[in-house]
């Protein structure tokens, strides 16, 4: 999924002007609230919100892998029957392969795990930036790791039939060489503080409030 070029140009430039460390911290604070959501519909809505934020920040997002992952997790979850059995129009129980009863609990469990995992992937993509500069030795290691991950996901790897490992190695070597050849930018980064950037800061608070509400109404 891609944004139109004229829209992506404005949205990506806006996020580039926001302090990447601030985005990382805010995204990190969102993880606990997202994991403890109770209602399945709330989890789905926030999954869509994370995907939309990632789309705005990067201009494009790949949803097919997430859909395949959700369907795969849900498929294997139904082989562990749990809860009320799903019945057909005639009132007869529905069985998979004439052996495993299809249950609402198994469907809910599979979708819940799939949505949470997909949401965490989108949130990670939103949080990580190649421009992050965390302090200290641990921060230096984290910066290098995030730079590699962010650069690795920026474009597709050109896989060649029978040379999958070599294709990945070539891409990793390219990233390593670019990182070593990158010159230090002495110019101080200038970040904006607009109402929209303030909304991103309070997003974890909004998410925490939604989590509390889901516990109340569930």
Protein backbone atom coordinates (compact mmCIF):
# COMPACT_ATOMS: atom_id res chain seq x y z
CA UNK A 1 0.00 0.00 0.00
CA UNK A 2 1.39 3.39 -1.03
CA UNK A 3 0.34 6.96 -0.53
CA UNK A 4 0.11 9.24 -3.57
CA UNK A 5 3.49 10.84 -4.19
CA UNK A 6 2.38 14.39 -3.41
CA UNK A 7 0.83 13.22 -0.10
CA UNK A 8 3.78 11.00 0.87
CA UNK A 9 6.18 13.88 0.21
CA UNK A 10 4.49 16.03 2.86
CA UNK A 11 3.84 13.32 5.45
CA UNK A 12 7.33 11.79 5.33
CA UNK A 13 8.99 15.22 5.51
CA UNK A 14 6.83 16.05 8.54
CA UNK A 15 7.94 12.95 10.45
CA UNK A 16 11.56 13.54 9.49
CA UNK A 17 11.39 16.84 11.37
CA UNK A 18 10.17 15.18 14.58
CA UNK A 19 12.83 14.02 17.02
CA UNK A 20 13.29 10.27 16.29
CA UNK A 21 14.18 9.59 19.94
CA UNK A 22 10.84 11.09 20.95
CA UNK A 23 8.99 8.89 18.46
CA UNK A 24 10.85 5.84 19.76
CA UNK A 25 10.00 6.57 23.42
CA UNK A 26 6.34 7.27 22.64
CA UNK A 27 6.08 4.07 20.59
CA UNK A 28 7.80 2.09 23.35
CA UNK A 29 5.21 3.34 25.84
CA UNK A 30 2.44 2.12 23.54
CA UNK A 31 3.53 -1.52 23.68
CA UNK A 32 2.28 -2.39 27.22
CA UNK A 33 -1.11 -0.75 26.68
CA UNK A 34 -1.58 -2.51 23.36
CA UNK A 35 -0.62 -5.92 24.78
CA UNK A 36 -3.11 -5.68 27.65
CA UNK A 37 -6.15 -4.72 25.59
CA UNK A 38 -9.10 -6.99 26.31
CA UNK A 39 -11.60 -6.45 23.51
CA UNK A 40 -10.79 -7.90 20.10
CA UNK A 41 -12.37 -4.99 18.21
CA UNK A 42 -10.21 -2.48 20.11
CA UNK A 43 -7.09 -4.48 19.21
CA UNK A 44 -8.11 -4.42 15.55
CA UNK A 45 -8.80 -0.67 15.58
CA UNK A 46 -5.39 0.07 17.10
CA UNK A 47 -3.74 -2.29 14.61
CA UNK A 48 -5.25 -0.14 11.84
CA UNK A 49 -4.07 3.01 13.64
CA UNK A 50 -0.47 1.71 13.84
CA UNK A 51 -0.58 0.72 10.18
CA UNK A 52 -1.89 4.17 9.23
CA UNK A 53 0.83 5.93 11.26
CA UNK A 54 3.50 3.79 9.62
CA UNK A 55 2.01 4.56 6.21
CA UNK A 56 2.15 8.30 6.93
CA UNK A 57 5.73 8.13 8.19
CA UNK A 58 7.20 5.92 5.46
CA UNK A 59 4.87 6.68 2.56
CA UNK A 60 4.30 2.96 1.98
CA UNK A 61 3.55 -0.14 3.98
CA UNK A 62 3.37 -3.84 3.18
CA UNK A 63 0.11 -5.36 4.43
CA UNK A 64 0.16 -8.71 2.61
CA UNK A 65 2.71 -10.32 4.99
CA UNK A 66 0.61 -9.22 7.96
CA UNK A 67 -2.57 -10.62 6.42
CA UNK A 68 -0.85 -13.95 5.71
CA UNK A 69 0.52 -14.01 9.27
CA UNK A 70 -2.92 -13.32 10.81
CA UNK A 71 -4.60 -15.97 8.66
CA UNK A 72 -1.86 -18.49 9.42
CA UNK A 73 -2.02 -17.97 13.19
CA UNK A 74 -5.83 -18.10 13.12
CA UNK A 75 -5.81 -21.29 11.04
CA UNK A 76 -3.57 -23.20 13.45
CA UNK A 77 -5.42 -21.79 16.48
CA UNK A 78 -8.69 -23.44 15.48
CA UNK A 79 -7.10 -26.86 15.97
CA UNK A 80 -7.23 -26.17 19.73
CA UNK A 81 -11.00 -26.13 20.41
CA UNK A 82 -12.01 -23.75 23.16
CA UNK A 83 -15.39 -22.39 24.16
CA UNK A 84 -18.72 -22.52 22.36
CA UNK A 85 -18.89 -24.61 19.20
CA UNK A 86 -19.77 -22.78 15.97
CA UNK A 87 -22.86 -24.22 14.35
CA UNK A 88 -24.08 -24.13 10.76
CA UNK A 89 -27.39 -22.69 9.55
CA UNK A 90 -29.02 -26.04 10.25
CA UNK A 91 -27.76 -26.01 13.83
CA UNK A 92 -25.18 -28.74 13.31
CA UNK A 93 -21.63 -28.32 14.69
CA UNK A 94 -18.96 -27.38 12.15
CA UNK A 95 -15.94 -29.68 12.09
CA UNK A 96 -12.56 -29.19 10.42
CA UNK A 97 -11.39 -32.28 8.56
CA UNK A 98 -14.34 -34.09 10.19
CA UNK A 99 -12.44 -34.16 13.48
CA UNK A 100 -11.81 -30.75 15.05
CA UNK A 101 -14.87 -28.74 16.13
CA UNK A 102 -14.75 -25.06 15.16
CA UNK A 103 -15.14 -22.96 18.31
CA UNK A 104 -15.58 -19.25 18.97
CA UNK A 105 -12.84 -19.30 21.61
CA UNK A 106 -10.26 -20.70 19.18
CA UNK A 107 -11.20 -18.13 16.52
CA UNK A 108 -10.97 -15.30 19.06
CA UNK A 109 -7.61 -16.54 20.34
CA UNK A 110 -6.14 -16.86 16.84
CA UNK A 111 -7.32 -13.45 15.69
CA UNK A 112 -6.18 -11.84 18.94
CA UNK A 113 -2.65 -13.25 18.65
CA UNK A 114 -2.48 -12.38 14.95
CA UNK A 115 -3.70 -8.81 15.44
CA UNK A 116 -1.31 -8.18 18.34
CA UNK A 117 1.68 -9.56 16.46
CA UNK A 118 0.85 -7.57 13.30
CA UNK A 119 0.26 -4.43 15.39
CA UNK A 120 3.65 -4.84 17.06
CA UNK A 121 5.30 -5.14 13.65
CA UNK A 122 3.71 -1.90 12.42
CA UNK A 123 4.48 -0.13 15.69
CA UNK A 124 8.11 -1.25 15.46
CA UNK A 125 8.36 0.09 11.93
CA UNK A 126 6.89 3.39 13.12
CA UNK A 127 9.24 3.60 16.11
CA UNK A 128 12.55 2.76 14.44
CA UNK A 129 14.47 5.38 12.51
CA UNK A 130 17.94 5.40 10.98
CA UNK A 131 18.48 8.85 12.54
CA UNK A 132 18.07 7.73 16.16
CA UNK A 133 20.89 8.77 18.48
CA UNK A 134 20.56 7.13 21.88
CA UNK A 135 23.22 8.05 24.48
CA UNK A 136 25.88 5.77 25.98
CA UNK A 137 27.57 2.58 24.82
CA UNK A 138 24.32 0.65 24.86
CA UNK A 139 22.73 3.48 22.90
CA UNK A 140 25.52 3.26 20.33
CA UNK A 141 24.84 -0.44 19.88
CA UNK A 142 21.07 0.17 19.67
CA UNK A 143 21.60 2.96 17.12
CA UNK A 144 23.62 0.60 14.92
CA UNK A 145 21.02 -2.14 15.24
CA UNK A 146 18.11 0.19 14.46
CA UNK A 147 20.01 1.70 11.53
CA UNK A 148 20.53 -1.77 10.06
CA UNK A 149 16.91 -2.78 10.61
CA UNK A 150 15.53 0.51 9.27
CA UNK A 151 17.73 0.45 6.18
CA UNK A 152 17.03 -3.24 5.57
CA UNK A 153 13.27 -2.63 5.46
CA UNK A 154 13.44 0.49 3.28
CA UNK A 155 13.57 -1.47 0.03
CA UNK A 156 13.05 -5.04 -1.15
CA UNK A 157 15.90 -7.50 -1.32
CA UNK A 158 16.53 -8.72 -4.87
CA UNK A 159 16.27 -12.47 -4.34
CA UNK A 160 17.73 -14.75 -6.99
CA UNK A 161 16.53 -18.30 -7.47
CA UNK A 162 18.91 -20.63 -5.64
CA UNK A 163 20.87 -17.74 -4.12
CA UNK A 164 18.64 -16.56 -1.28
CA UNK A 165 21.38 -16.48 1.38
CA UNK A 166 23.78 -14.72 -1.00
CA UNK A 167 21.14 -12.06 -1.75
CA UNK A 168 20.65 -11.35 1.96
CA UNK A 169 24.42 -11.23 2.53
CA UNK A 170 24.86 -8.79 -0.34
CA UNK A 171 22.20 -6.48 1.10
CA UNK A 172 23.71 -6.63 4.60
CA UNK A 173 27.22 -5.91 3.26
CA UNK A 174 25.82 -2.94 1.32
CA UNK A 175 24.24 -1.57 4.50
CA UNK A 176 27.46 -2.11 6.46
CA UNK A 177 29.54 -0.29 3.85
CA UNK A 178 27.09 2.62 3.71
CA UNK A 179 27.17 2.90 7.49
CA UNK A 180 30.99 2.93 7.58
CA UNK A 181 31.21 5.48 4.77
CA UNK A 182 28.62 7.75 6.34
CA UNK A 183 30.22 11.02 7.40
CA UNK A 184 29.43 12.67 10.69
CA UNK A 185 26.96 15.49 10.27
CA UNK A 186 28.14 18.36 12.43
CA UNK A 187 25.01 20.39 11.79
CA UNK A 188 22.63 20.33 14.71
CA UNK A 189 19.30 18.73 13.91
CA UNK A 190 16.33 21.06 14.07
CA UNK A 191 13.02 19.52 15.03
CA UNK A 192 9.55 21.01 14.96
CA UNK A 193 7.08 21.24 17.83
CA UNK A 194 3.64 21.64 16.30
CA UNK A 195 0.17 20.63 17.54
CA UNK A 196 0.44 17.48 15.41
CA UNK A 197 3.75 16.51 16.98
CA UNK A 198 2.19 17.14 20.40
CA UNK A 199 -0.60 14.72 19.48
CA UNK A 200 2.00 12.03 18.80
CA UNK A 201 3.49 12.66 22.25
CA UNK A 202 0.16 12.16 24.02
CA UNK A 203 -0.74 9.14 21.86
CA UNK A 204 0.53 6.67 24.52
CA UNK A 205 -1.72 8.38 27.09
CA UNK A 206 -4.71 8.03 24.76
CA UNK A 207 -3.84 4.38 24.19
CA UNK A 208 -3.55 3.78 27.95
CA UNK A 209 -6.99 5.33 28.47
CA UNK A 210 -8.46 3.08 25.77
CA UNK A 211 -6.88 0.06 27.49
CA UNK A 212 -8.49 0.99 30.81
CA UNK A 213 -11.82 1.51 29.06
CA UNK A 214 -11.58 -1.92 27.39
CA UNK A 215 -11.12 -3.50 30.83
CA UNK A 216 -14.18 -1.68 32.15
CA UNK A 217 -16.56 -2.57 29.30
CA UNK A 218 -15.30 -6.14 28.75
